[in-house]
C-alpha atoms as a PDB file:
ATOM      1  CA  MET A   1      91.870  99.091  92.494  1.00  0.00           C
ATOM      2  CA  PHE A   2      90.630 102.553  93.228  1.00  0.00           C
ATOM      3  CA  VAL A   3      93.870 104.170  94.398  1.00  0.00           C
ATOM      4  CA  TRP A   4      96.219 103.315  91.520  1.00  0.00           C
ATOM      5  CA  SER A   5      96.154 105.457  88.426  1.00  0.00           C
ATOM      6  CA  LYS A   6      98.345 105.332  85.336  1.00  0.00           C
ATOM      7  CA  ARG A   7      99.811 108.713  86.198  1.00  0.00           C
ATOM      8  CA  LEU A   8     100.749 107.577  89.731  1.00  0.00           C
ATOM      9  CA  VAL A   9     102.334 104.343  88.487  1.00  0.00           C
ATOM     10  CA  ALA A  10     104.280 106.175  85.779  1.00  0.00           C
ATOM     11  CA  ALA A  11     105.525 108.746  88.311  1.00  0.00           C
ATOM     12  CA  LEU A  12     106.611 106.060  90.789  1.00  0.00           C
ATOM     13  CA  LEU A  13     108.391 104.028  88.113  1.00  0.00           C
ATOM     14  CA  GLY A  14     110.090 107.156  86.792  1.00  0.00           C
ATOM     15  CA  LEU A  15     111.220 108.100  90.288  1.00  0.00           C
ATOM     16  CA  PHE A  16     112.545 104.575  90.796  1.00  0.00           C
ATOM     17  CA  ALA A  17     114.524 104.764  87.548  1.00  0.00           C
ATOM     18  CA  ILE A  18     115.970 108.176  88.437  1.00  0.00           C
ATOM     19  CA  VAL A  19     117.038 107.075  91.929  1.00  0.00           C
ATOM     20  CA  LEU A  20     118.533 103.877  90.520  1.00  0.00           C
ATOM     21  CA  GLY A  21     120.452 105.920  87.946  1.00  0.00           C
ATOM     22  CA  VAL A  22     121.789 108.180  90.695  1.00  0.00           C
ATOM     23  CA  PHE A  23     122.892 105.135  92.688  1.00  0.00           C
ATOM     24  CA  LEU A  24     124.641 103.616  89.674  1.00  0.00           C
ATOM     25  CA  LEU A  25     126.411 106.834  88.722  1.00  0.00           C
ATOM     26  CA  ASN A  26     127.584 107.532  92.281  1.00  0.00           C
ATOM     27  CA  ALA A  27     129.004 104.043  92.816  1.00  0.00           C
ATOM     28  CA  THR A  28     132.757 103.708  92.533  1.00  0.00           C
ATOM     29  CA  PRO A  29     133.453 100.378  90.853  1.00  0.00           C
ATOM     30  CA  ASP A  30     137.196 100.378  91.601  1.00  0.00           C
ATOM     31  CA  SER A  31     136.740 100.175  95.361  1.00  0.00           C
ATOM     32  CA  THR A  32     135.977  96.943  97.172  1.00  0.00           C
ATOM     33  CA  SER A  33     133.174  98.481  99.222  1.00  0.00           C
ATOM     34  CA  GLY A  34     131.399  99.927  96.160  1.00  0.00           C
ATOM     35  CA  LEU A  35     129.452  96.730  95.620  1.00  0.00           C
ATOM     36  CA  LYS A  36     128.325  96.658  99.235  1.00  0.00           C
ATOM     37  CA  ILE A  37     127.131 100.252  99.081  1.00  0.00           C
ATOM     38  CA  HIS A  38     125.352  99.649  95.782  1.00  0.00           C
ATOM     39  CA  THR A  39     123.750  96.446  97.043  1.00  0.00           C
ATOM     40  CA  THR A  40     122.606  98.101 100.255  1.00  0.00           C
ATOM     41  CA  ARG A  41     121.091 101.020  98.349  1.00  0.00           C
ATOM     42  CA  TRP A  42     119.419  98.666  95.882  1.00  0.00           C
ATOM     43  CA  MET A  43     117.880  96.617  98.684  1.00  0.00           C
ATOM     44  CA  ALA A  44     116.753  99.737 100.554  1.00  0.00           C
ATOM     45  CA  LEU A  45     115.185 101.197  97.414  1.00  0.00           C
ATOM     46  CA  ASN A  46     113.320  97.974  96.661  1.00  0.00           C
ATOM     47  CA  TYR A  47     112.174  97.610 100.273  1.00  0.00           C
ATOM     48  CA  LEU A  48     110.855 101.173 100.414  1.00  0.00           C
ATOM     49  CA  GLY A  49     109.051 100.664  97.111  1.00  0.00           C
ATOM     50  CA  LEU A  50     107.467  97.461  98.369  1.00  0.00           C
ATOM     51  CA  VAL A  51     106.401  99.079 101.632  1.00  0.00           C
ATOM     52  CA  ALA A  52     104.811 101.989  99.755  1.00  0.00           C
ATOM     53  CA  TRP A  53     103.051  99.595  97.370  1.00  0.00           C
ATOM     54  CA  VAL A  54     101.673  97.486 100.210  1.00  0.00           C
ATOM     55  CA  PHE A  55     100.427 100.554 102.082  1.00  0.00           C
ATOM     56  CA  VAL A  56      98.676 101.843  98.970  1.00  0.00           C
ATOM     57  CA  TRP A  57      97.063  98.386  98.691  1.00  0.00           C
ATOM     58  CA  MET A  58      95.962  98.721 102.333  1.00  0.00           C
ATOM     59  CA  ILE A  59      94.441 102.134 101.537  1.00  0.00           C
ATOM     60  CA  ASP A  60      92.559 100.593  98.620  1.00  0.00           C
ATOM     61  CA  GLN A  61      91.254  97.659 100.635  1.00  0.00           C
ATOM     62  CA  ALA A  62      90.181  99.858 103.548  1.00  0.00           C
ATOM     63  CA  ARG A  63      88.441 102.306 101.225  1.00  0.00           C
ATOM     64  CA  MET A  64      86.490  99.501  99.559  1.00  0.00           C
ATOM     65  CA  ARG A  65      85.281  98.302 102.969  1.00  0.00           C
ATOM     66  CA  GLY A  66      84.627 101.730 104.469  1.00  0.00           C
ATOM     67  CA  LYS A  67      87.366 101.439 107.118  1.00  0.00           C
ATOM     68  CA  ASN A  68      89.994 103.936 108.257  1.00  0.00           C
ATOM     69  CA  VAL A  69      93.514 102.919 107.240  1.00  0.00           C
ATOM     70  CA  TRP A  70      95.394 105.848 108.758  1.00  0.00           C
ATOM     71  CA  VAL A  71      95.270 104.349 112.281  1.00  0.00           C
ATOM     72  CA  TRP A  72      97.451 101.550 110.852  1.00  0.00           C
ATOM     73  CA  LEU A  73     100.179 103.898 109.540  1.00  0.00           C
ATOM     74  CA  VAL A  74     102.414 104.123 112.633  1.00  0.00           C
ATOM     75  CA  PRO A  75     102.363 100.369 113.380  1.00  0.00           C
ATOM     76  CA  PHE A  76     102.984  99.696 109.667  1.00  0.00           C
ATOM     77  CA  VAL A  77     106.057 101.936 109.636  1.00  0.00           C
ATOM     78  CA  LEU A  78     107.444 100.248 112.755  1.00  0.00           C
ATOM     79  CA  ALA A  79     106.677  96.634 111.785  1.00  0.00           C
ATOM     80  CA  PRO A  80     105.240  96.221 108.259  1.00  0.00           C
ATOM     81  CA  LEU A  81     104.732  92.460 108.065  1.00  0.00           C
ATOM     82  CA  PRO A  82     102.956  91.869 111.406  1.00  0.00           C
ATOM     83  CA  THR A  83     100.816  94.961 110.850  1.00  0.00           C
ATOM     84  CA  LEU A  84      99.874  93.747 107.370  1.00  0.00           C
ATOM     85  CA  MET A  85      98.851  90.358 108.778  1.00  0.00           C
ATOM     86  CA  LEU A  86      96.761  91.980 111.528  1.00  0.00           C
ATOM     87  CA  PHE A  87      95.189  94.354 109.005  1.00  0.00           C
ATOM     88  CA  VAL A  88      94.137  91.467 106.752  1.00  0.00           C
ATOM     89  CA  LEU A  89      92.694  89.610 109.751  1.00  0.00           C
ATOM     90  CA  PHE A  90      90.886  92.788 110.811  1.00  0.00           C
ATOM     91  CA  LEU A  91      89.318  93.164 107.365  1.00  0.00           C
ATOM     92  CA  GLN A  92      88.277  89.490 107.250  1.00  0.00           C
ATOM     93  CA  ARG A  93      86.383  89.431 110.550  1.00  0.00           C
ATOM     94  CA  ARG A  94      82.649  89.080 110.378  1.00  0.00           C
ATOM     95  CA  ILE A  95      80.524  92.164 110.845  1.00  0.00           C
ATOM     96  CA  GLN A  96      78.283  91.881 113.889  1.00  0.00           C
ATOM     97  CA  SER A  97      74.710  92.803 112.990  1.00  0.00           C
ATOM     98  CA  SER A  98      72.626  94.032 115.893  1.00  0.00           C
END
């Protein structure tokens, strides 16, 4: 892949570890809602990481095919899965030669 670099991956993993550490240190284990808050934060952190990873993959795939990925940003933020499916279908269509 063209977009990923070791420095970018290391920075993203480091940021993930720092945010996870902040979540763990701020959780209050003696309360009954602490687990819910921690679980919600964990799920949100993982979801945001997955969304960022998928969009970087979309950037890479569009760059390899000479397409513009930035027109897909707003639909991707609003509805990631349907936009990803449409993007893949868009990239797989045959090029019309005139």
